[in-house]
Amino acid sequence: MSEAEHVSVTACPDGPLLVRGPVVILDEHGDEVSRQRATVALCRCGLSSRAPWCDGSHKVANRPRDEGLSAQAQPR
């Protein structure tokens, strides 16, 4: 696999998942979500108004590290 084809996912502490590389992101209906950048930040807290993209709402929520998604904070 070449560097151009390499995909990585990094969980930011208390923040989003950074997805780097050529991946297809699907919404809850299985439809492809258009992405404009090679690296995108995916919301993990479920509070983003731009889901599936992170909008920084986790900073206000103060979700404790490594808690993951709670039942009430599932993405839309």
PDB file of N, CA and C in Angstrom:
ATOM      1  N   MET A   1       0.857  -1.173   0.000  1.00  0.00           N
ATOM      2  CA  MET A   1       0.000   0.000   0.000  1.00  0.00           C
ATOM      3  C   MET A   1       0.899   1.231   0.000  1.00  0.00           C
ATOM      4  N   SER A   2       0.655   2.151  -0.910  1.00  0.00           N
ATOM      5  CA  SER A   2       1.454   3.374  -0.990  1.00  0.00           C
ATOM      6  C   SER A   2       1.009   4.351   0.086  1.00  0.00           C
ATOM      7  N   GLU A   3       1.837   5.363   0.340  1.00  0.00           N
ATOM      8  CA  GLU A   3       1.504   6.390   1.333  1.00  0.00           C
ATOM      9  C   GLU A   3       0.207   7.105   0.955  1.00  0.00           C
ATOM     10  N   ALA A   4      -0.030   7.284  -0.354  1.00  0.00           N
ATOM     11  CA  ALA A   4      -1.246   7.956  -0.816  1.00  0.00           C
ATOM     12  C   ALA A   4      -2.493   7.134  -0.489  1.00  0.00           C
ATOM     13  N   GLU A   5      -2.363   5.816  -0.346  1.00  0.00           N
ATOM     14  CA  GLU A   5      -3.494   4.952  -0.050  1.00  0.00           C
ATOM     15  C   GLU A   5      -3.630   4.662   1.443  1.00  0.00           C
ATOM     16  N   HIS A   6      -2.680   5.105   2.239  1.00  0.00           N
ATOM     17  CA  HIS A   6      -2.673   4.816   3.664  1.00  0.00           C
ATOM     18  C   HIS A   6      -3.827   5.536   4.366  1.00  0.00           C
ATOM     19  N   VAL A   7      -4.520   4.810   5.235  1.00  0.00           N
ATOM     20  CA  VAL A   7      -5.614   5.368   6.020  1.00  0.00           C
ATOM     21  C   VAL A   7      -5.259   5.225   7.484  1.00  0.00           C
ATOM     22  N   SER A   8      -5.489   6.294   8.251  1.00  0.00           N
ATOM     23  CA  SER A   8      -5.292   6.205   9.695  1.00  0.00           C
ATOM     24  C   SER A   8      -6.446   6.903  10.403  1.00  0.00           C
ATOM     25  N   VAL A   9      -6.755   6.395  11.586  1.00  0.00           N
ATOM     26  CA  VAL A   9      -7.785   6.988  12.435  1.00  0.00           C
ATOM     27  C   VAL A   9      -7.151   7.220  13.789  1.00  0.00           C
ATOM     28  N   THR A  10      -7.194   8.478  14.241  1.00  0.00           N
ATOM     29  CA  THR A  10      -6.598   8.855  15.517  1.00  0.00           C
ATOM     30  C   THR A  10      -7.686   9.385  16.436  1.00  0.00           C
ATOM     31  N   ALA A  11      -7.817   8.789  17.620  1.00  0.00           N
ATOM     32  CA  ALA A  11      -8.772   9.277  18.613  1.00  0.00           C
ATOM     33  C   ALA A  11      -8.103  10.384  19.409  1.00  0.00           C
ATOM     34  N   CYS A  12      -8.603  11.602  19.259  1.00  0.00           N
ATOM     35  CA  CYS A  12      -8.067  12.731  20.016  1.00  0.00           C
ATOM     36  C   CYS A  12      -8.615  12.670  21.437  1.00  0.00           C
ATOM     37  N   PRO A  13      -7.769  12.845  22.443  1.00  0.00           N
ATOM     38  CA  PRO A  13      -8.258  12.814  23.817  1.00  0.00           C
ATOM     39  C   PRO A  13      -9.367  13.850  24.017  1.00  0.00           C
ATOM     40  N   ASP A  14     -10.496  13.407  24.517  1.00  0.00           N
ATOM     41  CA  ASP A  14     -11.647  14.274  24.771  1.00  0.00           C
ATOM     42  C   ASP A  14     -12.132  14.996  23.522  1.00  0.00           C
ATOM     43  N   GLY A  15     -11.886  14.421  22.341  1.00  0.00           N
ATOM     44  CA  GLY A  15     -12.275  15.092  21.107  1.00  0.00           C
ATOM     45  C   GLY A  15     -12.676  14.132  20.014  1.00  0.00           C
ATOM     46  N   PRO A  16     -12.541  14.585  18.774  1.00  0.00           N
ATOM     47  CA  PRO A  16     -13.027  13.808  17.633  1.00  0.00           C
ATOM     48  C   PRO A  16     -12.091  12.686  17.211  1.00  0.00           C
ATOM     49  N   LEU A  17     -12.537  11.933  16.227  1.00  0.00           N
ATOM     50  CA  LEU A  17     -11.683  10.981  15.526  1.00  0.00           C
ATOM     51  C   LEU A  17     -11.140  11.700  14.303  1.00  0.00           C
ATOM     52  N   LEU A  18      -9.823  11.736  14.161  1.00  0.00           N
ATOM     53  CA  LEU A  18      -9.212  12.310  12.963  1.00  0.00           C
ATOM     54  C   LEU A  18      -9.011  11.184  11.972  1.00  0.00           C
ATOM     55  N   VAL A  19      -9.606  11.309  10.809  1.00  0.00           N
ATOM     56  CA  VAL A  19      -9.533  10.293   9.767  1.00  0.00           C
ATOM     57  C   VAL A  19      -8.697  10.865   8.631  1.00  0.00           C
ATOM     58  N   ARG A  20      -7.599  10.173   8.341  1.00  0.00           N
ATOM     59  CA  ARG A  20      -6.690  10.613   7.278  1.00  0.00           C
ATOM     60  C   ARG A  20      -6.639   9.557   6.191  1.00  0.00           C
ATOM     61  N   GLY A  21      -6.739   9.984   4.956  1.00  0.00           N
ATOM     62  CA  GLY A  21      -6.597   9.057   3.848  1.00  0.00           C
ATOM     63  C   GLY A  21      -7.875   8.870   3.060  1.00  0.00           C
ATOM     64  N   PRO A  22      -7.787   8.063   2.019  1.00  0.00           N
ATOM     65  CA  PRO A  22      -8.903   7.876   1.092  1.00  0.00           C
ATOM     66  C   PRO A  22      -9.943   6.876   1.599  1.00  0.00           C
ATOM     67  N   VAL A  23     -10.824   7.340   2.439  1.00  0.00           N
ATOM     68  CA  VAL A  23     -11.906   6.487   2.939  1.00  0.00           C
ATOM     69  C   VAL A  23     -13.247   7.059   2.488  1.00  0.00           C
ATOM     70  N   VAL A  24     -14.231   6.193   2.423  1.00  0.00           N
ATOM     71  CA  VAL A  24     -15.590   6.617   2.117  1.00  0.00           C
ATOM     72  C   VAL A  24     -16.340   6.658   3.440  1.00  0.00           C
ATOM     73  N   ILE A  25     -16.983   7.777   3.717  1.00  0.00           N
ATOM     74  CA  ILE A  25     -17.757   7.932   4.951  1.00  0.00           C
ATOM     75  C   ILE A  25     -19.228   7.889   4.565  1.00  0.00           C
ATOM     76  N   LEU A  26     -19.972   7.028   5.255  1.00  0.00           N
ATOM     77  CA  LEU A  26     -21.389   6.834   4.966  1.00  0.00           C
ATOM     78  C   LEU A  26     -22.240   7.374   6.101  1.00  0.00           C
ATOM     79  N   ASP A  27     -23.419   7.919   5.762  1.00  0.00           N
ATOM     80  CA  ASP A  27     -24.337   8.379   6.793  1.00  0.00           C
ATOM     81  C   ASP A  27     -25.177   7.200   7.294  1.00  0.00           C
ATOM     82  N   GLU A  28     -26.147   7.483   8.152  1.00  0.00           N
ATOM     83  CA  GLU A  28     -26.947   6.423   8.758  1.00  0.00           C
ATOM     84  C   GLU A  28     -27.817   5.674   7.755  1.00  0.00           C
ATOM     85  N   HIS A  29     -27.975   6.229   6.548  1.00  0.00           N
ATOM     86  CA  HIS A  29     -28.762   5.586   5.498  1.00  0.00           C
ATOM     87  C   HIS A  29     -27.891   4.851   4.489  1.00  0.00           C
ATOM     88  N   GLY A  30     -26.580   4.884   4.688  1.00  0.00           N
ATOM     89  CA  GLY A  30     -25.663   4.230   3.776  1.00  0.00           C
ATOM     90  C   GLY A  30     -25.257   5.085   2.591  1.00  0.00           C
ATOM     91  N   ASP A  31     -25.651   6.368   2.618  1.00  0.00           N
ATOM     92  CA  ASP A  31     -25.284   7.288   1.548  1.00  0.00           C
ATOM     93  C   ASP A  31     -23.932   7.915   1.834  1.00  0.00           C
ATOM     94  N   GLU A  32     -23.135   8.089   0.807  1.00  0.00           N
ATOM     95  CA  GLU A  32     -21.806   8.674   0.970  1.00  0.00           C
ATOM     96  C   GLU A  32     -21.908  10.139   1.370  1.00  0.00           C
ATOM     97  N   VAL A  33     -21.098  10.520   2.357  1.00  0.00           N
ATOM     98  CA  VAL A  33     -21.028  11.896   2.811  1.00  0.00           C
ATOM     99  C   VAL A  33     -19.847  12.540   2.096  1.00  0.00           C
ATOM    100  N   SER A  34     -20.114  13.625   1.398  1.00  0.00           N
ATOM    101  CA  SER A  34     -19.061  14.312   0.648  1.00  0.00           C
ATOM    102  C   SER A  34     -18.038  14.915   1.607  1.00  0.00           C
ATOM    103  N   ARG A  35     -16.779  14.732   1.282  1.00  0.00           N
ATOM    104  CA  ARG A  35     -15.721  15.336   2.091  1.00  0.00           C
ATOM    105  C   ARG A  35     -14.824  16.154   1.180  1.00  0.00           C
ATOM    106  N   GLN A  36     -14.371  17.284   1.690  1.00  0.00           N
ATOM    107  CA  GLN A  36     -13.591  18.227   0.900  1.00  0.00           C
ATOM    108  C   GLN A  36     -12.106  18.178   1.225  1.00  0.00           C
ATOM    109  N   ARG A  37     -11.724  17.436   2.255  1.00  0.00           N
ATOM    110  CA  ARG A  37     -10.334  17.417   2.718  1.00  0.00           C
ATOM    111  C   ARG A  37      -9.830  15.986   2.849  1.00  0.00           C
ATOM    112  N   ALA A  38      -8.511  15.853   2.802  1.00  0.00           N
ATOM    113  CA  ALA A  38      -7.894  14.530   2.974  1.00  0.00           C
ATOM    114  C   ALA A  38      -7.963  14.073   4.426  1.00  0.00           C
ATOM    115  N   THR A  39      -7.997  15.020   5.370  1.00  0.00           N
ATOM    116  CA  THR A  39      -8.126  14.723   6.800  1.00  0.00           C
ATOM    117  C   THR A  39      -9.411  15.361   7.304  1.00  0.00           C
ATOM    118  N   VAL A  40     -10.249  14.575   7.977  1.00  0.00           N
ATOM    119  CA  VAL A  40     -11.501  15.097   8.523  1.00  0.00           C
ATOM    120  C   VAL A  40     -11.610  14.714   9.994  1.00  0.00           C
ATOM    121  N   ALA A  41     -12.375  15.505  10.745  1.00  0.00           N
ATOM    122  CA  ALA A  41     -12.618  15.236  12.162  1.00  0.00           C
ATOM    123  C   ALA A  41     -14.060  14.785  12.328  1.00  0.00           C
ATOM    124  N   LEU A  42     -14.238  13.554  12.803  1.00  0.00           N
ATOM    125  CA  LEU A  42     -15.571  12.996  13.020  1.00  0.00           C
ATOM    126  C   LEU A  42     -15.974  13.149  14.480  1.00  0.00           C
ATOM    127  N   CYS A  43     -17.179  13.619  14.695  1.00  0.00           N
ATOM    128  CA  CYS A  43     -17.703  13.839  16.043  1.00  0.00           C
ATOM    129  C   CYS A  43     -17.835  12.514  16.790  1.00  0.00           C
ATOM    130  N   ARG A  44     -17.418  12.497  18.066  1.00  0.00           N
ATOM    131  CA  ARG A  44     -17.625  11.325  18.936  1.00  0.00           C
ATOM    132  C   ARG A  44     -18.584  11.627  20.063  1.00  0.00           C
ATOM    133  N   CYS A  45     -18.845  12.922  20.338  1.00  0.00           N
ATOM    134  CA  CYS A  45     -19.679  13.257  21.499  1.00  0.00           C
ATOM    135  C   CYS A  45     -21.169  13.264  21.167  1.00  0.00           C
ATOM    136  N   GLY A  46     -21.520  13.340  19.875  1.00  0.00           N
ATOM    137  CA  GLY A  46     -22.918  13.355  19.483  1.00  0.00           C
ATOM    138  C   GLY A  46     -23.582  14.711  19.588  1.00  0.00           C
ATOM    139  N   LEU A  47     -22.815  15.759  19.885  1.00  0.00           N
ATOM    140  CA  LEU A  47     -23.381  17.090  20.089  1.00  0.00           C
ATOM    141  C   LEU A  47     -23.185  18.035  18.909  1.00  0.00           C
ATOM    142  N   SER A  48     -22.449  17.622  17.907  1.00  0.00           N
ATOM    143  CA  SER A  48     -22.121  18.502  16.786  1.00  0.00           C
ATOM    144  C   SER A  48     -23.356  18.888  15.985  1.00  0.00           C
ATOM    145  N   SER A  49     -23.433  20.156  15.614  1.00  0.00           N
ATOM    146  CA  SER A  49     -24.516  20.613  14.742  1.00  0.00           C
ATOM    147  C   SER A  49     -24.159  20.371  13.281  1.00  0.00           C
ATOM    148  N   ARG A  50     -22.955  19.868  13.029  1.00  0.00           N
ATOM    149  CA  ARG A  50     -22.493  19.586  11.666  1.00  0.00           C
ATOM    150  C   ARG A  50     -22.226  18.095  11.462  1.00  0.00           C
ATOM    151  N   ALA A  51     -22.860  17.245  12.243  1.00  0.00           N
ATOM    152  CA  ALA A  51     -22.603  15.806  12.182  1.00  0.00           C
ATOM    153  C   ALA A  51     -22.628  15.311  10.748  1.00  0.00           C
ATOM    154  N   PRO A  52     -21.734  14.433  10.364  1.00  0.00           N
ATOM    155  CA  PRO A  52     -20.825  13.687  11.224  1.00  0.00           C
ATOM    156  C   PRO A  52     -19.542  14.425  11.578  1.00  0.00           C
ATOM    157  N   TRP A  53     -19.389  15.648  11.100  1.00  0.00           N
ATOM    158  CA  TRP A  53     -18.152  16.402  11.340  1.00  0.00           C
ATOM    159  C   TRP A  53     -18.154  17.028  12.731  1.00  0.00           C
ATOM    160  N   CYS A  54     -16.992  17.122  13.320  1.00  0.00           N
ATOM    161  CA  CYS A  54     -16.820  17.762  14.630  1.00  0.00           C
ATOM    162  C   CYS A  54     -16.938  19.271  14.460  1.00  0.00           C
ATOM    163  N   ASP A  55     -17.657  19.923  15.366  1.00  0.00           N
ATOM    164  CA  ASP A  55     -17.742  21.381  15.362  1.00  0.00           C
ATOM    165  C   ASP A  55     -17.196  21.994  16.653  1.00  0.00           C
ATOM    166  N   GLY A  56     -16.561  21.172  17.484  1.00  0.00           N
ATOM    167  CA  GLY A  56     -15.975  21.665  18.731  1.00  0.00           C
ATOM    168  C   GLY A  56     -16.921  21.624  19.919  1.00  0.00           C
ATOM    169  N   SER A  57     -18.135  21.118  19.746  1.00  0.00           N
ATOM    170  CA  SER A  57     -19.107  21.070  20.849  1.00  0.00           C
ATOM    171  C   SER A  57     -18.606  20.272  22.037  1.00  0.00           C
ATOM    172  N   HIS A  58     -17.704  19.312  21.815  1.00  0.00           N
ATOM    173  CA  HIS A  58     -17.162  18.497  22.902  1.00  0.00           C
ATOM    174  C   HIS A  58     -16.421  19.355  23.928  1.00  0.00           C
ATOM    175  N   LYS A  59     -15.894  20.488  23.492  1.00  0.00           N
ATOM    176  CA  LYS A  59     -15.160  21.368  24.409  1.00  0.00           C
ATOM    177  C   LYS A  59     -16.095  21.942  25.462  1.00  0.00           C
ATOM    178  N   VAL A  60     -17.336  22.203  25.085  1.00  0.00           N
ATOM    179  CA  VAL A  60     -18.330  22.736  26.014  1.00  0.00           C
ATOM    180  C   VAL A  60     -18.887  21.616  26.894  1.00  0.00           C
ATOM    181  N   ALA A  61     -19.027  20.432  26.321  1.00  0.00           N
ATOM    182  CA  ALA A  61     -19.627  19.302  27.035  1.00  0.00           C
ATOM    183  C   ALA A  61     -18.719  18.749  28.123  1.00  0.00           C
ATOM    184  N   ASN A  62     -17.401  18.934  27.972  1.00  0.00           N
ATOM    185  CA  ASN A  62     -16.434  18.423  28.948  1.00  0.00           C
ATOM    186  C   ASN A  62     -16.583  16.933  29.193  1.00  0.00           C
ATOM    187  N   ARG A  63     -16.741  16.163  28.119  1.00  0.00           N
ATOM    188  CA  ARG A  63     -16.862  14.704  28.232  1.00  0.00           C
ATOM    189  C   ARG A  63     -15.555  14.140  28.768  1.00  0.00           C
ATOM    190  N   PRO A  64     -15.592  13.371  29.854  1.00  0.00           N
ATOM    191  CA  PRO A  64     -14.358  12.803  30.403  1.00  0.00           C
ATOM    192  C   PRO A  64     -13.657  11.888  29.411  1.00  0.00           C
ATOM    193  N   ARG A  65     -12.345  11.876  29.446  1.00  0.00           N
ATOM    194  CA  ARG A  65     -11.519  11.056  28.564  1.00  0.00           C
ATOM    195  C   ARG A  65     -11.893   9.584  28.653  1.00  0.00           C
ATOM    196  N   ASP A  66     -11.865   8.908  27.512  1.00  0.00           N
ATOM    197  CA  ASP A  66     -12.093   7.465  27.375  1.00  0.00           C
ATOM    198  C   ASP A  66     -13.495   7.023  27.768  1.00  0.00           C
ATOM    199  N   GLU A  67     -14.419   7.932  27.910  1.00  0.00           N
ATOM    200  CA  GLU A  67     -15.788   7.545  28.252  1.00  0.00           C
ATOM    201  C   GLU A  67     -16.501   6.935  27.051  1.00  0.00           C
ATOM    202  N   GLY A  68     -16.132   7.368  25.850  1.00  0.00           N
ATOM    203  CA  GLY A  68     -16.811   6.876  24.663  1.00  0.00           C
ATOM    204  C   GLY A  68     -18.171   7.520  24.530  1.00  0.00           C
ATOM    205  N   LEU A  69     -19.020   6.924  23.728  1.00  0.00           N
ATOM    206  CA  LEU A  69     -20.353   7.463  23.522  1.00  0.00           C
ATOM    207  C   LEU A  69     -21.313   6.902  24.557  1.00  0.00           C
ATOM    208  N   SER A  70     -22.026   7.769  25.223  1.00  0.00           N
ATOM    209  CA  SER A  70     -23.038   7.321  26.166  1.00  0.00           C
ATOM    210  C   SER A  70     -24.326   7.043  25.404  1.00  0.00           C
ATOM    211  N   ALA A  71     -25.266   6.405  26.031  1.00  0.00           N
ATOM    212  CA  ALA A  71     -26.537   6.076  25.384  1.00  0.00           C
ATOM    213  C   ALA A  71     -27.284   7.335  24.966  1.00  0.00           C
ATOM    214  N   GLN A  72     -27.149   8.441  25.719  1.00  0.00           N
ATOM    215  CA  GLN A  72     -27.864   9.652  25.381  1.00  0.00           C
ATOM    216  C   GLN A  72     -27.098  10.533  24.406  1.00  0.00           C
ATOM    217  N   ALA A  73     -25.864  10.223  24.099  1.00  0.00           N
ATOM    218  CA  ALA A  73     -25.083  11.060  23.199  1.00  0.00           C
ATOM    219  C   ALA A  73     -24.719  10.326  21.913  1.00  0.00           C
ATOM    220  N   GLN A  74     -25.640   9.518  21.420  1.00  0.00           N
ATOM    221  CA  GLN A  74     -25.400   8.809  20.170  1.00  0.00           C
ATOM    222  C   GLN A  74     -25.498   9.790  19.014  1.00  0.00           C
ATOM    223  N   PRO A  75     -24.653   9.641  17.991  1.00  0.00           N
ATOM    224  CA  PRO A  75     -24.726  10.537  16.827  1.00  0.00           C
ATOM    225  C   PRO A  75     -26.075  10.448  16.146  1.00  0.00           C
ATOM    226  N   ARG A  76     -26.454  11.524  15.507  1.00  0.00           N
ATOM    227  CA  ARG A  76     -27.736  11.569  14.809  1.00  0.00           C
ATOM    228  C   ARG A  76     -27.649  10.827  13.512  1.00  0.00           C
TER     229      ARG A  76
END
